[in-house]
């Protein structure tokens, strides 16, 4: 019976060794599974990052176009301000030219007025001289008849 107990114990020991080997295999498989889960999670993160990168890569040309358009718009705004300044300057120049023309007309009128005033004074002198001449003729005629 001692032999049977030893055989039974040996069988039991073999079973325990087999169970221990299975347990080690299961632990190894569990470790591999955890590693694979971790890798899968990391892979999903990388896929998400790749999708995000693709989106950015797709968006980049559009962003560049928007930056170009913004720059063009700023240039147009600057040009519009410059144009408004030039229009204001042109309007002011036209006003000054109009004022200059009016001034020239007024100077011409003043010159004409001076000339007319001089002519009027000359005319008055001539009338006075003519009146004096008439008086002298009248006087001469009066003395001749005497």
C-alpha atoms as a PDB file:
ATOM      1  CA  UNK A   1       0.000   0.000   0.000  1.00  0.00           C
ATOM      2  CA  UNK A   2       2.932   2.230   0.541  1.00  0.00           C
ATOM      3  CA  UNK A   3       3.715   1.836  -3.147  1.00  0.00           C
ATOM      4  CA  UNK A   4       0.198   2.862  -4.095  1.00  0.00           C
ATOM      5  CA  UNK A   5       0.465   5.971  -1.976  1.00  0.00           C
ATOM      6  CA  UNK A   6       3.743   6.841  -3.592  1.00  0.00           C
ATOM      7  CA  UNK A   7       2.284   6.306  -7.037  1.00  0.00           C
ATOM      8  CA  UNK A   8      -0.740   8.344  -6.103  1.00  0.00           C
ATOM      9  CA  UNK A   9       1.491  11.088  -4.701  1.00  0.00           C
ATOM     10  CA  UNK A  10       3.674  10.945  -7.824  1.00  0.00           C
ATOM     11  CA  UNK A  11       0.603  11.192 -10.046  1.00  0.00           C
ATOM     12  CA  UNK A  12      -0.668  14.050  -7.942  1.00  0.00           C
ATOM     13  CA  UNK A  13       2.760  15.694  -8.183  1.00  0.00           C
ATOM     14  CA  UNK A  14       2.775  15.259 -11.972  1.00  0.00           C
ATOM     15  CA  UNK A  15      -0.684  16.793 -12.120  1.00  0.00           C
ATOM     16  CA  UNK A  16       0.508  19.720 -10.025  1.00  0.00           C
ATOM     17  CA  UNK A  17       3.555  20.145 -12.267  1.00  0.00           C
ATOM     18  CA  UNK A  18       1.337  20.018 -15.332  1.00  0.00           C
ATOM     19  CA  UNK A  19      -1.026  22.529 -13.684  1.00  0.00           C
ATOM     20  CA  UNK A  20       1.953  24.729 -12.805  1.00  0.00           C
ATOM     21  CA  UNK A  21       3.198  24.540 -16.406  1.00  0.00           C
ATOM     22  CA  UNK A  22      -0.300  25.377 -17.639  1.00  0.00           C
ATOM     23  CA  UNK A  23      -0.466  28.220 -15.142  1.00  0.00           C
ATOM     24  CA  UNK A  24       2.888  29.541 -16.375  1.00  0.00           C
ATOM     25  CA  UNK A  25       1.645  29.273 -19.955  1.00  0.00           C
ATOM     26  CA  UNK A  26      -1.578  31.075 -18.992  1.00  0.00           C
ATOM     27  CA  UNK A  27       0.437  33.784 -17.203  1.00  0.00           C
ATOM     28  CA  UNK A  28       2.661  34.139 -20.265  1.00  0.00           C
ATOM     29  CA  UNK A  29      -0.428  34.302 -22.490  1.00  0.00           C
ATOM     30  CA  UNK A  30      -2.011  36.879 -20.171  1.00  0.00           C
ATOM     31  CA  UNK A  31       1.177  38.970 -20.319  1.00  0.00           C
ATOM     32  CA  UNK A  32       1.162  38.676 -24.115  1.00  0.00           C
ATOM     33  CA  UNK A  33      -2.518  39.615 -24.171  1.00  0.00           C
ATOM     34  CA  UNK A  34      -1.854  42.677 -22.006  1.00  0.00           C
ATOM     35  CA  UNK A  35       1.015  43.638 -24.304  1.00  0.00           C
ATOM     36  CA  UNK A  36      -1.225  43.166 -27.345  1.00  0.00           C
ATOM     37  CA  UNK A  37      -3.989  45.275 -25.714  1.00  0.00           C
ATOM     38  CA  UNK A  38      -1.451  47.973 -24.935  1.00  0.00           C
ATOM     39  CA  UNK A  39      -0.140  47.776 -28.504  1.00  0.00           C
ATOM     40  CA  UNK A  40      -3.706  47.945 -29.868  1.00  0.00           C
ATOM     41  CA  UNK A  41      -4.407  51.026 -27.762  1.00  0.00           C
ATOM     42  CA  UNK A  42      -1.153  52.604 -28.948  1.00  0.00           C
ATOM     43  CA  UNK A  43      -2.062  51.651 -32.526  1.00  0.00           C
ATOM     44  CA  UNK A  44      -5.481  53.362 -32.169  1.00  0.00           C
ATOM     45  CA  UNK A  45      -3.728  56.487 -30.822  1.00  0.00           C
ATOM     46  CA  UNK A  46      -1.335  56.405 -33.798  1.00  0.00           C
ATOM     47  CA  UNK A  47      -4.243  55.921 -36.226  1.00  0.00           C
ATOM     48  CA  UNK A  48      -6.046  58.875 -34.659  1.00  0.00           C
ATOM     49  CA  UNK A  49      -2.858  60.961 -34.908  1.00  0.00           C
ATOM     50  CA  UNK A  50      -2.411  59.858 -38.535  1.00  0.00           C
ATOM     51  CA  UNK A  51      -6.015  60.854 -39.332  1.00  0.00           C
ATOM     52  CA  UNK A  52      -5.441  64.193 -37.617  1.00  0.00           C
ATOM     53  CA  UNK A  53      -2.189  64.625 -39.564  1.00  0.00           C
ATOM     54  CA  UNK A  54      -3.988  63.811 -42.845  1.00  0.00           C
ATOM     55  CA  UNK A  55      -6.680  66.351 -41.980  1.00  0.00           C
ATOM     56  CA  UNK A  56      -4.018  68.977 -41.247  1.00  0.00           C
ATOM     57  CA  UNK A  57      -2.198  68.054 -44.458  1.00  0.00           C
ATOM     58  CA  UNK A  58      -5.461  68.482 -46.367  1.00  0.00           C
ATOM     59  CA  UNK A  59      -6.261  71.726 -44.521  1.00  0.00           C
ATOM     60  CA  UNK A  60      -2.770  73.244 -44.967  1.00  0.00           C
ATOM     61  CA  UNK A  61      -3.234  74.262 -48.659  1.00  0.00           C
ATOM     62  CA  UNK A  62      -6.603  75.771 -47.793  1.00  0.00           C
ATOM     63  CA  UNK A  63      -4.992  77.631 -44.888  1.00  0.00           C
ATOM     64  CA  UNK A  64      -2.237  78.873 -47.211  1.00  0.00           C
ATOM     65  CA  UNK A  65      -4.882  80.065 -49.677  1.00  0.00           C
ATOM     66  CA  UNK A  66      -6.725  81.889 -46.870  1.00  0.00           C
ATOM     67  CA  UNK A  67      -3.464  83.530 -45.755  1.00  0.00           C
ATOM     68  CA  UNK A  68      -2.777  84.594 -49.358  1.00  0.00           C
ATOM     69  CA  UNK A  69      -6.332  85.963 -49.649  1.00  0.00           C
ATOM     70  CA  UNK A  70      -5.954  87.837 -46.334  1.00  0.00           C
ATOM     71  CA  UNK A  71      -2.667  89.345 -47.524  1.00  0.00           C
ATOM     72  CA  UNK A  72      -4.291  90.334 -50.833  1.00  0.00           C
ATOM     73  CA  UNK A  73      -7.231  91.849 -48.936  1.00  0.00           C
ATOM     74  CA  UNK A  74      -4.859  93.872 -46.722  1.00  0.00           C
ATOM     75  CA  UNK A  75      -3.065  95.106 -49.843  1.00  0.00           C
ATOM     76  CA  UNK A  76      -6.398  96.119 -51.390  1.00  0.00           C
ATOM     77  CA  UNK A  77      -7.416  97.947 -48.195  1.00  0.00           C
ATOM     78  CA  UNK A  78      -4.084  99.796 -48.187  1.00  0.00           C
ATOM     79  CA  UNK A  79      -4.533 100.662 -51.864  1.00  0.00           C
ATOM     80  CA  UNK A  80      -8.100 101.852 -51.211  1.00  0.00           C
ATOM     81  CA  UNK A  81      -6.882 104.160 -48.420  1.00  0.00           C
ATOM     82  CA  UNK A  82      -4.138 105.466 -50.716  1.00  0.00           C
ATOM     83  CA  UNK A  83      -6.705 105.978 -53.491  1.00  0.00           C
ATOM     84  CA  UNK A  84      -9.029 107.858 -51.100  1.00  0.00           C
ATOM     85  CA  UNK A  85      -6.120 110.099 -50.102  1.00  0.00           C
ATOM     86  CA  UNK A  86      -5.316 110.749 -53.771  1.00  0.00           C
ATOM     87  CA  UNK A  87      -8.990 111.517 -54.518  1.00  0.00           C
ATOM     88  CA  UNK A  88      -9.071 113.947 -51.597  1.00  0.00           C
ATOM     89  CA  UNK A  89      -5.848 115.572 -52.827  1.00  0.00           C
ATOM     90  CA  UNK A  90      -7.237 115.792 -56.383  1.00  0.00           C
ATOM     91  CA  UNK A  91     -10.466 117.391 -55.134  1.00  0.00           C
ATOM     92  CA  UNK A  92      -8.437 119.877 -53.127  1.00  0.00           C
ATOM     93  CA  UNK A  93      -6.236 120.594 -56.149  1.00  0.00           C
ATOM     94  CA  UNK A  94      -9.342 121.178 -58.313  1.00  0.00           C
ATOM     95  CA  UNK A  95     -10.688 123.583 -55.680  1.00  0.00           C
ATOM     96  CA  UNK A  96      -7.372 125.432 -55.647  1.00  0.00           C
ATOM     97  CA  UNK A  97      -7.332 125.609 -59.477  1.00  0.00           C
ATOM     98  CA  UNK A  98     -10.907 126.941 -59.456  1.00  0.00           C
ATOM     99  CA  UNK A  99      -9.955 129.491 -56.791  1.00  0.00           C
ATOM    100  CA  UNK A 100      -6.879 130.465 -58.814  1.00  0.00           C
ATOM    101  CA  UNK A 101      -9.039 130.972 -61.920  1.00  0.00           C
ATOM    102  CA  UNK A 102     -11.455 133.127 -59.897  1.00  0.00           C
ATOM    103  CA  UNK A 103      -8.521 135.109 -58.521  1.00  0.00           C
ATOM    104  CA  UNK A 104      -7.188 135.701 -62.060  1.00  0.00           C
ATOM    105  CA  UNK A 105     -10.646 136.872 -63.168  1.00  0.00           C
ATOM    106  CA  UNK A 106     -10.850 139.232 -60.203  1.00  0.00           C
ATOM    107  CA  UNK A 107      -7.358 140.597 -60.938  1.00  0.00           C
ATOM    108  CA  UNK A 108      -8.361 141.163 -64.563  1.00  0.00           C
ATOM    109  CA  UNK A 109     -11.552 142.904 -63.405  1.00  0.00           C
ATOM    110  CA  UNK A 110      -9.540 145.061 -60.981  1.00  0.00           C
ATOM    111  CA  UNK A 111      -7.119 145.988 -63.798  1.00  0.00           C
ATOM    112  CA  UNK A 112     -10.063 146.879 -66.042  1.00  0.00           C
ATOM    113  CA  UNK A 113     -11.598 148.896 -63.222  1.00  0.00           C
ATOM    114  CA  UNK A 114      -8.331 150.825 -62.711  1.00  0.00           C
ATOM    115  CA  UNK A 115      -8.080 151.427 -66.436  1.00  0.00           C
ATOM    116  CA  UNK A 116     -11.690 152.657 -66.521  1.00  0.00           C
ATOM    117  CA  UNK A 117     -11.065 154.858 -63.486  1.00  0.00           C
ATOM    118  CA  UNK A 118      -7.967 156.280 -65.190  1.00  0.00           C
ATOM    119  CA  UNK A 119      -9.989 156.738 -68.405  1.00  0.00           C
ATOM    120  CA  UNK A 120     -12.788 158.428 -66.453  1.00  0.00           C
ATOM    121  CA  UNK A 121     -10.299 160.796 -64.821  1.00  0.00           C
ATOM    122  CA  UNK A 122      -8.765 161.495 -68.254  1.00  0.00           C
ATOM    123  CA  UNK A 123     -12.245 162.020 -69.691  1.00  0.00           C
ATOM    124  CA  UNK A 124     -13.097 164.439 -66.858  1.00  0.00           C
ATOM    125  CA  UNK A 125      -9.898 166.317 -67.583  1.00  0.00           C
ATOM    126  CA  UNK A 126     -10.791 166.479 -71.294  1.00  0.00           C
ATOM    127  CA  UNK A 127     -14.325 167.680 -70.458  1.00  0.00           C
ATOM    128  CA  UNK A 128     -12.900 170.298 -68.168  1.00  0.00           C
ATOM    129  CA  UNK A 129     -10.444 171.316 -70.894  1.00  0.00           C
ATOM    130  CA  UNK A 130     -13.242 171.386 -73.483  1.00  0.00           C
ATOM    131  CA  UNK A 131     -15.383 173.480 -71.186  1.00  0.00           C
ATOM    132  CA  UNK A 132     -12.439 175.801 -70.619  1.00  0.00           C
ATOM    133  CA  UNK A 133     -11.828 175.919 -74.373  1.00  0.00           C
ATOM    134  CA  UNK A 134     -15.499 176.735 -74.989  1.00  0.00           C
ATOM    135  CA  UNK A 135     -15.320 179.472 -72.408  1.00  0.00           C
ATOM    136  CA  UNK A 136     -12.233 180.852 -74.076  1.00  0.00           C
ATOM    137  CA  UNK A 137     -13.887 180.707 -77.528  1.00  0.00           C
ATOM    138  CA  UNK A 138     -16.906 182.409 -76.118  1.00  0.00           C
ATOM    139  CA  UNK A 139     -14.653 185.014 -74.591  1.00  0.00           C
ATOM    140  CA  UNK A 140     -12.721 185.479 -77.837  1.00  0.00           C
ATOM    141  CA  UNK A 141     -15.959 185.720 -79.785  1.00  0.00           C
ATOM    142  CA  UNK A 142     -17.283 188.220 -77.309  1.00  0.00           C
ATOM    143  CA  UNK A 143     -14.144 190.368 -77.520  1.00  0.00           C
ATOM    144  CA  UNK A 144     -14.104 190.113 -81.337  1.00  0.00           C
ATOM    145  CA  UNK A 145     -17.577 191.518 -81.640  1.00  0.00           C
ATOM    146  CA  UNK A 146     -16.720 194.507 -79.581  1.00  0.00           C
END
